[in-house]
Amino acid sequence: MTLTENQKNLLRWIVKEVRAGNLKEDSIWYIRTLTDYGWVDYKGSDSWPPVTFATFDILEEYGYIKWQQKSQNQYKGTLTGKAYEAVDSNFAEPDTSPKLYAENYYNFGETMTENKGNVNISGVQGNVSGIAAAGENQTMTGVALGEISGVVTNSIGQLQSTNTPEATQLATLLEQLQSAIKNESHLAPEDKAEAMEQVKTLAEAGQKPEDNALQKAAKTALKILKGTIAGLPDAAKLAESCAKLLPAIATLLSLS
């Protein structure tokens, strides 16, 4: 089993752009919404080869990329050393097909095999055995989600302490957004954690409206949140909440 030429070309392009500093090696992020698609924070101007999420999965199976998060709307991950070796050798390397590897299990922040070992997940370190057990995976995901939720609450509290009318209004809207994300039953735990990260970014931008870097990050955060809700079913309450909250948040941050 070998990669197709299109799959090789996509990996070649990613490696080239990472080396040029146009993509972050440890945060390669591709997002697709109903109206837009592309690489988050891409700083280059080169056109990229055709992209499909199926190709992303193949590149991971070969060990070239580890996806920290993936859904029907977005993939976020990091390159491995094997990717650079493959591109530099023009893919003249031993067969790295999936049959040579143990099945992978995915959790927020890490990719793990079915071996026992010491792992670090979102700052939570410990000895983990029986990774395949669903209950243990759910516990670790819950810890990660609980941690980021607490960080978001703290960031919103700091925003409120600035004691300006705009900051107070923004904090109220972000609290509502945080609650809507937390209570959305159609959103996977890892997607909730990622959405919470975006709320944190918005709160930080509200604290320093003069900071251009934070304002740019806030624009990206809004785009990611829109991409997250784009794939939710019509019954999802989060989509309805975001339809009202996101425009108001963008206005308060002077992003609209």
C-alpha atoms as a PDB file:
ATOM      1  CA  MET A   1       0.000   0.000   0.000  1.00  0.00           C
ATOM      2  CA  THR A   2       1.446   3.386  -1.039  1.00  0.00           C
ATOM      3  CA  LEU A   3       0.282   6.978  -1.106  1.00  0.00           C
ATOM      4  CA  THR A   4      -1.227   8.335  -4.276  1.00  0.00           C
ATOM      5  CA  GLU A   5       0.526  11.217  -6.006  1.00  0.00           C
ATOM      6  CA  ASN A   6      -2.178  13.645  -4.833  1.00  0.00           C
ATOM      7  CA  GLN A   7      -1.653  12.528  -1.229  1.00  0.00           C
ATOM      8  CA  LYS A   8       2.101  12.923  -1.574  1.00  0.00           C
ATOM      9  CA  ASN A   9       1.679  16.395  -3.085  1.00  0.00           C
ATOM     10  CA  LEU A  10      -0.460  17.544  -0.176  1.00  0.00           C
ATOM     11  CA  LEU A  11       2.141  16.369   2.357  1.00  0.00           C
ATOM     12  CA  ARG A  12       4.928  17.978   0.298  1.00  0.00           C
ATOM     13  CA  TRP A  13       3.013  21.275   0.331  1.00  0.00           C
ATOM     14  CA  ILE A  14       2.380  21.153   4.091  1.00  0.00           C
ATOM     15  CA  VAL A  15       6.044  20.403   4.863  1.00  0.00           C
ATOM     16  CA  LYS A  16       7.190  23.187   2.520  1.00  0.00           C
ATOM     17  CA  GLU A  17       4.877  25.754   4.111  1.00  0.00           C
ATOM     18  CA  VAL A  18       5.852  24.724   7.657  1.00  0.00           C
ATOM     19  CA  ARG A  19       9.522  25.116   6.787  1.00  0.00           C
ATOM     20  CA  ALA A  20       8.777  28.528   5.292  1.00  0.00           C
ATOM     21  CA  GLY A  21       7.062  29.585   8.520  1.00  0.00           C
ATOM     22  CA  ASN A  22       3.693  29.964   6.842  1.00  0.00           C
ATOM     23  CA  LEU A  23       2.090  27.150   8.866  1.00  0.00           C
ATOM     24  CA  LYS A  24       2.764  26.210  12.485  1.00  0.00           C
ATOM     25  CA  GLU A  25       4.370  22.781  12.763  1.00  0.00           C
ATOM     26  CA  ASP A  26       2.497  21.927  15.977  1.00  0.00           C
ATOM     27  CA  SER A  27      -0.801  23.543  15.016  1.00  0.00           C
ATOM     28  CA  ILE A  28      -1.662  22.669  11.418  1.00  0.00           C
ATOM     29  CA  TRP A  29      -5.306  23.587  11.217  1.00  0.00           C
ATOM     30  CA  TYR A  30      -7.680  23.160   8.277  1.00  0.00           C
ATOM     31  CA  ILE A  31     -11.312  24.237   8.630  1.00  0.00           C
ATOM     32  CA  ARG A  32     -14.333  23.970   6.362  1.00  0.00           C
ATOM     33  CA  THR A  33     -17.669  25.751   6.801  1.00  0.00           C
ATOM     34  CA  LEU A  34     -20.729  26.096   4.612  1.00  0.00           C
ATOM     35  CA  THR A  35     -19.330  29.269   3.065  1.00  0.00           C
ATOM     36  CA  ASP A  36     -15.567  29.077   3.521  1.00  0.00           C
ATOM     37  CA  TYR A  37     -12.587  26.735   3.809  1.00  0.00           C
ATOM     38  CA  GLY A  38      -8.847  26.984   4.275  1.00  0.00           C
ATOM     39  CA  TRP A  39      -5.859  26.851   6.606  1.00  0.00           C
ATOM     40  CA  VAL A  40      -6.147  28.760   9.884  1.00  0.00           C
ATOM     41  CA  ASP A  41      -3.377  31.366  10.392  1.00  0.00           C
ATOM     42  CA  TYR A  42      -1.765  30.542   7.022  1.00  0.00           C
ATOM     43  CA  LYS A  43       0.726  33.338   6.289  1.00  0.00           C
ATOM     44  CA  GLY A  44       1.702  32.406   2.732  1.00  0.00           C
ATOM     45  CA  SER A  45       0.159  33.124  -0.635  1.00  0.00           C
ATOM     46  CA  ASP A  46       0.838  29.845  -2.449  1.00  0.00           C
ATOM     47  CA  SER A  47      -2.128  27.845  -3.735  1.00  0.00           C
ATOM     48  CA  TRP A  48      -2.433  24.411  -2.173  1.00  0.00           C
ATOM     49  CA  PRO A  49      -3.165  20.988  -3.707  1.00  0.00           C
ATOM     50  CA  PRO A  50      -6.648  19.463  -3.428  1.00  0.00           C
ATOM     51  CA  VAL A  51      -7.600  18.760   0.191  1.00  0.00           C
ATOM     52  CA  THR A  52      -9.915  16.034   1.436  1.00  0.00           C
ATOM     53  CA  PHE A  53     -10.385  14.856   4.997  1.00  0.00           C
ATOM     54  CA  ALA A  54      -9.939  11.287   3.723  1.00  0.00           C
ATOM     55  CA  THR A  55      -6.390  12.220   2.670  1.00  0.00           C
ATOM     56  CA  PHE A  56      -5.776  13.671   6.145  1.00  0.00           C
ATOM     57  CA  ASP A  57      -6.780  10.322   7.637  1.00  0.00           C
ATOM     58  CA  ILE A  58      -4.439   8.444   5.300  1.00  0.00           C
ATOM     59  CA  LEU A  59      -1.503  10.715   6.221  1.00  0.00           C
ATOM     60  CA  GLU A  60      -2.182   9.994   9.876  1.00  0.00           C
ATOM     61  CA  GLU A  61      -2.370   6.240   9.295  1.00  0.00           C
ATOM     62  CA  TYR A  62       1.069   6.397   7.704  1.00  0.00           C
ATOM     63  CA  GLY A  63       2.417   8.260  10.733  1.00  0.00           C
ATOM     64  CA  TYR A  64       3.100  11.562   8.976  1.00  0.00           C
ATOM     65  CA  ILE A  65       0.633  13.654  10.979  1.00  0.00           C
ATOM     66  CA  LYS A  66      -0.920  13.273  14.417  1.00  0.00           C
ATOM     67  CA  TRP A  67      -4.357  14.858  14.630  1.00  0.00           C
ATOM     68  CA  GLN A  68      -5.133  16.324  18.044  1.00  0.00           C
ATOM     69  CA  GLN A  69      -8.657  17.057  16.969  1.00  0.00           C
ATOM     70  CA  LYS A  70     -10.759  16.068  13.995  1.00  0.00           C
ATOM     71  CA  SER A  71     -14.412  16.388  13.086  1.00  0.00           C
ATOM     72  CA  GLN A  72     -16.534  16.734   9.981  1.00  0.00           C
ATOM     73  CA  ASN A  73     -15.591  20.434   9.827  1.00  0.00           C
ATOM     74  CA  GLN A  74     -11.989  20.755  10.958  1.00  0.00           C
ATOM     75  CA  TYR A  75      -8.698  18.936  11.464  1.00  0.00           C
ATOM     76  CA  LYS A  76      -5.962  20.191  13.789  1.00  0.00           C
ATOM     77  CA  GLY A  77      -2.673  18.437  14.393  1.00  0.00           C
ATOM     78  CA  THR A  78       1.117  18.354  14.147  1.00  0.00           C
ATOM     79  CA  LEU A  79       3.700  16.980  11.728  1.00  0.00           C
ATOM     80  CA  THR A  80       5.954  14.093  12.746  1.00  0.00           C
ATOM     81  CA  GLY A  81       9.625  13.647  11.907  1.00  0.00           C
ATOM     82  CA  LYS A  82       8.589  10.880   9.526  1.00  0.00           C
ATOM     83  CA  ALA A  83       6.855  13.470   7.321  1.00  0.00           C
ATOM     84  CA  TYR A  84      10.082  15.410   6.741  1.00  0.00           C
ATOM     85  CA  GLU A  85      12.014  12.196   6.075  1.00  0.00           C
ATOM     86  CA  ALA A  86       9.435  11.032   3.552  1.00  0.00           C
ATOM     87  CA  VAL A  87       9.376  14.321   1.654  1.00  0.00           C
ATOM     88  CA  ASP A  88      13.176  14.719   1.679  1.00  0.00           C
ATOM     89  CA  SER A  89      13.637  11.187   0.349  1.00  0.00           C
ATOM     90  CA  ASN A  90      10.806  11.618  -2.164  1.00  0.00           C
ATOM     91  CA  PHE A  91       8.941   8.901  -0.278  1.00  0.00           C
ATOM     92  CA  ALA A  92      11.687   6.321  -0.858  1.00  0.00           C
ATOM     93  CA  GLU A  93      11.275   4.738   2.593  1.00  0.00           C
ATOM     94  CA  PRO A  94      10.107   1.433   4.069  1.00  0.00           C
ATOM     95  CA  ASP A  95       6.409   0.599   4.034  1.00  0.00           C
ATOM     96  CA  THR A  96       4.733   2.508   6.864  1.00  0.00           C
ATOM     97  CA  SER A  97       1.228   1.274   6.188  1.00  0.00           C
ATOM     98  CA  PRO A  98      -1.257   1.057   9.088  1.00  0.00           C
ATOM     99  CA  LYS A  99      -0.986  -2.743   9.375  1.00  0.00           C
ATOM    100  CA  LEU A 100       2.394  -2.297  11.079  1.00  0.00           C
ATOM    101  CA  TYR A 101       0.968  -0.295  13.948  1.00  0.00           C
ATOM    102  CA  ALA A 102      -1.359  -0.880  16.868  1.00  0.00           C
ATOM    103  CA  GLU A 103      -4.764   0.736  16.593  1.00  0.00           C
ATOM    104  CA  ASN A 104      -4.712   4.310  17.826  1.00  0.00           C
ATOM    105  CA  TYR A 105      -7.102   5.808  20.344  1.00  0.00           C
ATOM    106  CA  TYR A 106      -7.729   9.523  20.335  1.00  0.00           C
ATOM    107  CA  ASN A 107      -8.189  11.944  23.184  1.00  0.00           C
ATOM    108  CA  PHE A 108      -8.054  15.697  23.383  1.00  0.00           C
ATOM    109  CA  GLY A 109      -4.456  16.852  23.119  1.00  0.00           C
ATOM    110  CA  GLU A 110      -2.766  13.436  22.509  1.00  0.00           C
ATOM    111  CA  THR A 111      -2.726  10.336  20.306  1.00  0.00           C
ATOM    112  CA  MET A 112      -2.066   7.101  22.223  1.00  0.00           C
ATOM    113  CA  THR A 113      -1.595   3.435  21.397  1.00  0.00           C
ATOM    114  CA  GLU A 114      -3.022   0.513  23.304  1.00  0.00           C
ATOM    115  CA  ASN A 115       0.100   0.267  25.462  1.00  0.00           C
ATOM    116  CA  LYS A 116       0.311   1.057  29.154  1.00  0.00           C
ATOM    117  CA  GLY A 117       2.409   4.068  29.981  1.00  0.00           C
ATOM    118  CA  ASN A 118       2.827   7.520  31.392  1.00  0.00           C
ATOM    119  CA  VAL A 119       0.972  10.161  29.404  1.00  0.00           C
ATOM    120  CA  ASN A 120       0.300  13.845  29.711  1.00  0.00           C
ATOM    121  CA  ILE A 121      -3.106  15.120  28.634  1.00  0.00           C
ATOM    122  CA  SER A 122      -3.850  18.851  28.811  1.00  0.00           C
ATOM    123  CA  GLY A 123      -1.504  19.236  31.767  1.00  0.00           C
ATOM    124  CA  VAL A 124      -2.860  16.188  33.627  1.00  0.00           C
ATOM    125  CA  GLN A 125      -0.110  13.616  34.128  1.00  0.00           C
ATOM    126  CA  GLY A 126      -0.405  10.098  35.432  1.00  0.00           C
ATOM    127  CA  ASN A 127       0.094   6.403  34.799  1.00  0.00           C
ATOM    128  CA  VAL A 128      -2.644   5.111  32.526  1.00  0.00           C
ATOM    129  CA  SER A 129      -3.408   1.489  31.748  1.00  0.00           C
ATOM    130  CA  GLY A 130      -6.105  -0.033  29.588  1.00  0.00           C
ATOM    131  CA  ILE A 131      -6.388   3.008  27.354  1.00  0.00           C
ATOM    132  CA  ALA A 132      -9.002   1.218  25.263  1.00  0.00           C
ATOM    133  CA  ALA A 133     -11.496   1.306  28.118  1.00  0.00           C
ATOM    134  CA  ALA A 134     -14.154   3.838  27.187  1.00  0.00           C
ATOM    135  CA  GLY A 135     -14.779   4.876  30.782  1.00  0.00           C
ATOM    136  CA  GLU A 136     -11.163   5.845  31.352  1.00  0.00           C
ATOM    137  CA  ASN A 137     -11.006   7.809  28.105  1.00  0.00           C
ATOM    138  CA  GLN A 138     -14.163   9.656  29.030  1.00  0.00           C
ATOM    139  CA  THR A 139     -12.697  10.507  32.439  1.00  0.00           C
ATOM    140  CA  MET A 140      -9.575  12.001  30.883  1.00  0.00           C
ATOM    141  CA  THR A 141     -11.606  13.989  28.371  1.00  0.00           C
ATOM    142  CA  GLY A 142     -13.812  15.239  31.187  1.00  0.00           C
ATOM    143  CA  VAL A 143     -10.769  16.449  33.114  1.00  0.00           C
ATOM    144  CA  ALA A 144      -9.528  18.380  30.081  1.00  0.00           C
ATOM    145  CA  LEU A 145     -12.953  19.939  29.519  1.00  0.00           C
ATOM    146  CA  GLY A 146     -13.307  20.841  33.188  1.00  0.00           C
ATOM    147  CA  GLU A 147      -9.897  22.498  33.207  1.00  0.00           C
ATOM    148  CA  ILE A 148     -10.515  24.709  30.198  1.00  0.00           C
ATOM    149  CA  SER A 149     -13.969  25.607  31.490  1.00  0.00           C
ATOM    150  CA  GLY A 150     -12.381  26.859  34.697  1.00  0.00           C
ATOM    151  CA  VAL A 151      -9.793  28.859  32.752  1.00  0.00           C
ATOM    152  CA  VAL A 152     -12.561  30.433  30.653  1.00  0.00           C
ATOM    153  CA  THR A 153     -14.498  31.409  33.782  1.00  0.00           C
ATOM    154  CA  ASN A 154     -11.365  33.067  35.159  1.00  0.00           C
ATOM    155  CA  SER A 155     -10.747  34.973  31.910  1.00  0.00           C
ATOM    156  CA  ILE A 156     -14.329  36.226  31.856  1.00  0.00           C
ATOM    157  CA  GLY A 157     -13.935  37.311  35.488  1.00  0.00           C
ATOM    158  CA  GLN A 158     -10.836  39.331  34.573  1.00  0.00           C
ATOM    159  CA  LEU A 159     -12.791  40.925  31.740  1.00  0.00           C
ATOM    160  CA  GLN A 160     -15.553  41.952  34.150  1.00  0.00           C
ATOM    161  CA  SER A 161     -12.985  43.514  36.485  1.00  0.00           C
ATOM    162  CA  THR A 162     -12.012  46.070  33.830  1.00  0.00           C
ATOM    163  CA  ASN A 163     -15.289  47.744  34.816  1.00  0.00           C
ATOM    164  CA  THR A 164     -16.285  49.389  31.537  1.00  0.00           C
ATOM    165  CA  PRO A 165     -19.781  49.158  30.014  1.00  0.00           C
ATOM    166  CA  GLU A 166     -18.484  47.357  26.908  1.00  0.00           C
ATOM    167  CA  ALA A 167     -16.470  44.868  28.957  1.00  0.00           C
ATOM    168  CA  THR A 168     -19.427  44.131  31.211  1.00  0.00           C
ATOM    169  CA  GLN A 169     -21.723  43.498  28.241  1.00  0.00           C
ATOM    170  CA  LEU A 170     -19.101  41.330  26.544  1.00  0.00           C
ATOM    171  CA  ALA A 171     -18.544  39.292  29.708  1.00  0.00           C
ATOM    172  CA  THR A 172     -22.278  38.623  29.964  1.00  0.00           C
ATOM    173  CA  LEU A 173     -22.445  37.423  26.361  1.00  0.00           C
ATOM    174  CA  LEU A 174     -19.384  35.204  26.808  1.00  0.00           C
ATOM    175  CA  GLU A 175     -20.880  33.646  29.925  1.00  0.00           C
ATOM    176  CA  GLN A 176     -23.988  32.794  27.897  1.00  0.00           C
ATOM    177  CA  LEU A 177     -21.820  31.357  25.113  1.00  0.00           C
ATOM    178  CA  GLN A 178     -19.797  29.296  27.583  1.00  0.00           C
ATOM    179  CA  SER A 179     -22.981  27.882  29.097  1.00  0.00           C
ATOM    180  CA  ALA A 180     -24.459  27.080  25.669  1.00  0.00           C
ATOM    181  CA  ILE A 181     -21.308  25.196  24.647  1.00  0.00           C
ATOM    182  CA  LYS A 182     -21.172  23.276  27.917  1.00  0.00           C
ATOM    183  CA  ASN A 183     -24.813  22.195  27.678  1.00  0.00           C
ATOM    184  CA  GLU A 184     -24.861  21.264  23.962  1.00  0.00           C
ATOM    185  CA  SER A 185     -25.578  17.532  23.845  1.00  0.00           C
ATOM    186  CA  HIS A 186     -24.764  17.268  20.121  1.00  0.00           C
ATOM    187  CA  LEU A 187     -21.175  18.465  20.638  1.00  0.00           C
ATOM    188  CA  ALA A 188     -18.432  15.945  21.444  1.00  0.00           C
ATOM    189  CA  PRO A 189     -16.356  16.630  24.598  1.00  0.00           C
ATOM    190  CA  GLU A 190     -13.199  17.392  22.613  1.00  0.00           C
ATOM    191  CA  ASP A 191     -15.144  19.826  20.414  1.00  0.00           C
ATOM    192  CA  LYS A 192     -16.563  21.486  23.527  1.00  0.00           C
ATOM    193  CA  ALA A 193     -13.040  21.940  24.885  1.00  0.00           C
ATOM    194  CA  GLU A 194     -11.881  23.465  21.585  1.00  0.00           C
ATOM    195  CA  ALA A 195     -14.886  25.820  21.511  1.00  0.00           C
ATOM    196  CA  MET A 196     -14.140  26.841  25.108  1.00  0.00           C
ATOM    197  CA  GLU A 197     -10.619  27.786  24.000  1.00  0.00           C
ATOM    198  CA  GLN A 198     -12.131  30.207  21.518  1.00  0.00           C
ATOM    199  CA  VAL A 199     -14.297  31.788  24.233  1.00  0.00           C
ATOM    200  CA  LYS A 200     -11.122  32.294  26.284  1.00  0.00           C
ATOM    201  CA  THR A 201      -9.485  34.015  23.305  1.00  0.00           C
ATOM    202  CA  LEU A 202     -12.482  36.344  22.938  1.00  0.00           C
ATOM    203  CA  ALA A 203     -12.342  37.224  26.641  1.00  0.00           C
ATOM    204  CA  GLU A 204      -8.631  38.017  26.399  1.00  0.00           C
ATOM    205  CA  ALA A 205      -9.226  40.216  23.356  1.00  0.00           C
ATOM    206  CA  GLY A 206     -11.900  42.089  25.279  1.00  0.00           C
ATOM    207  CA  GLN A 207      -9.407  42.872  28.043  1.00  0.00           C
ATOM    208  CA  LYS A 208      -6.969  44.495  25.605  1.00  0.00           C
ATOM    209  CA  PRO A 209      -8.936  45.976  22.691  1.00  0.00           C
ATOM    210  CA  GLU A 210      -5.859  47.905  21.542  1.00  0.00           C
ATOM    211  CA  ASP A 211      -3.804  44.739  21.039  1.00  0.00           C
ATOM    212  CA  ASN A 212      -3.800  43.983  17.299  1.00  0.00           C
ATOM    213  CA  ALA A 213      -2.537  40.422  17.774  1.00  0.00           C
ATOM    214  CA  LEU A 214      -5.388  39.620  20.150  1.00  0.00           C
ATOM    215  CA  GLN A 215      -7.915  41.196  17.812  1.00  0.00           C
ATOM    216  CA  LYS A 216      -6.639  39.011  14.973  1.00  0.00           C
ATOM    217  CA  ALA A 217      -6.854  35.969  17.246  1.00  0.00           C
ATOM    218  CA  ALA A 218     -10.433  36.938  18.114  1.00  0.00           C
ATOM    219  CA  LYS A 219     -11.373  37.007  14.427  1.00  0.00           C
ATOM    220  CA  THR A 220      -9.952  33.511  14.033  1.00  0.00           C
ATOM    221  CA  ALA A 221     -11.810  32.369  17.157  1.00  0.00           C
ATOM    222  CA  LEU A 222     -15.124  33.558  15.735  1.00  0.00           C
ATOM    223  CA  LYS A 223     -14.392  31.766  12.462  1.00  0.00           C
ATOM    224  CA  ILE A 224     -13.606  28.530  14.315  1.00  0.00           C
ATOM    225  CA  LEU A 225     -16.803  28.778  16.376  1.00  0.00           C
ATOM    226  CA  LYS A 226     -18.818  29.271  13.201  1.00  0.00           C
ATOM    227  CA  GLY A 227     -17.151  26.214  11.726  1.00  0.00           C
ATOM    228  CA  THR A 228     -17.937  24.208  14.848  1.00  0.00           C
ATOM    229  CA  ILE A 229     -21.655  24.941  14.751  1.00  0.00           C
ATOM    230  CA  ALA A 230     -21.916  24.544  10.969  1.00  0.00           C
ATOM    231  CA  GLY A 231     -22.003  20.781  11.242  1.00  0.00           C
ATOM    232  CA  LEU A 232     -24.471  20.566  14.111  1.00  0.00           C
ATOM    233  CA  PRO A 233     -27.984  19.245  13.470  1.00  0.00           C
ATOM    234  CA  ASP A 234     -30.926  21.636  13.266  1.00  0.00           C
ATOM    235  CA  ALA A 235     -32.047  20.557  16.738  1.00  0.00           C
ATOM    236  CA  ALA A 236     -28.836  21.835  18.331  1.00  0.00           C
ATOM    237  CA  LYS A 237     -29.513  24.741  20.664  1.00  0.00           C
ATOM    238  CA  LEU A 238     -25.932  26.007  20.349  1.00  0.00           C
ATOM    239  CA  ALA A 239     -26.460  26.992  16.710  1.00  0.00           C
ATOM    240  CA  GLU A 240     -29.484  29.072  17.681  1.00  0.00           C
ATOM    241  CA  SER A 241     -27.596  30.717  20.551  1.00  0.00           C
ATOM    242  CA  CYS A 242     -24.562  31.510  18.408  1.00  0.00           C
ATOM    243  CA  ALA A 243     -26.725  33.093  15.736  1.00  0.00           C
ATOM    244  CA  LYS A 244     -27.550  35.775  18.304  1.00  0.00           C
ATOM    245  CA  LEU A 245     -24.410  35.854  20.434  1.00  0.00           C
ATOM    246  CA  LEU A 246     -21.593  35.852  17.865  1.00  0.00           C
ATOM    247  CA  PRO A 247     -22.700  38.997  15.934  1.00  0.00           C
ATOM    248  CA  ALA A 248     -23.167  40.867  19.221  1.00  0.00           C
ATOM    249  CA  ILE A 249     -19.747  39.736  20.460  1.00  0.00           C
ATOM    250  CA  ALA A 250     -18.136  40.778  17.178  1.00  0.00           C
ATOM    251  CA  THR A 251     -19.737  44.214  17.474  1.00  0.00           C
ATOM    252  CA  LEU A 252     -18.476  44.751  21.026  1.00  0.00           C
ATOM    253  CA  LEU A 253     -14.980  43.742  19.934  1.00  0.00           C
ATOM    254  CA  SER A 254     -15.228  46.061  16.890  1.00  0.00           C
ATOM    255  CA  LEU A 255     -14.751  43.096  14.572  1.00  0.00           C
ATOM    256  CA  SER A 256     -17.956  43.389  12.566  1.00  0.00           C
END
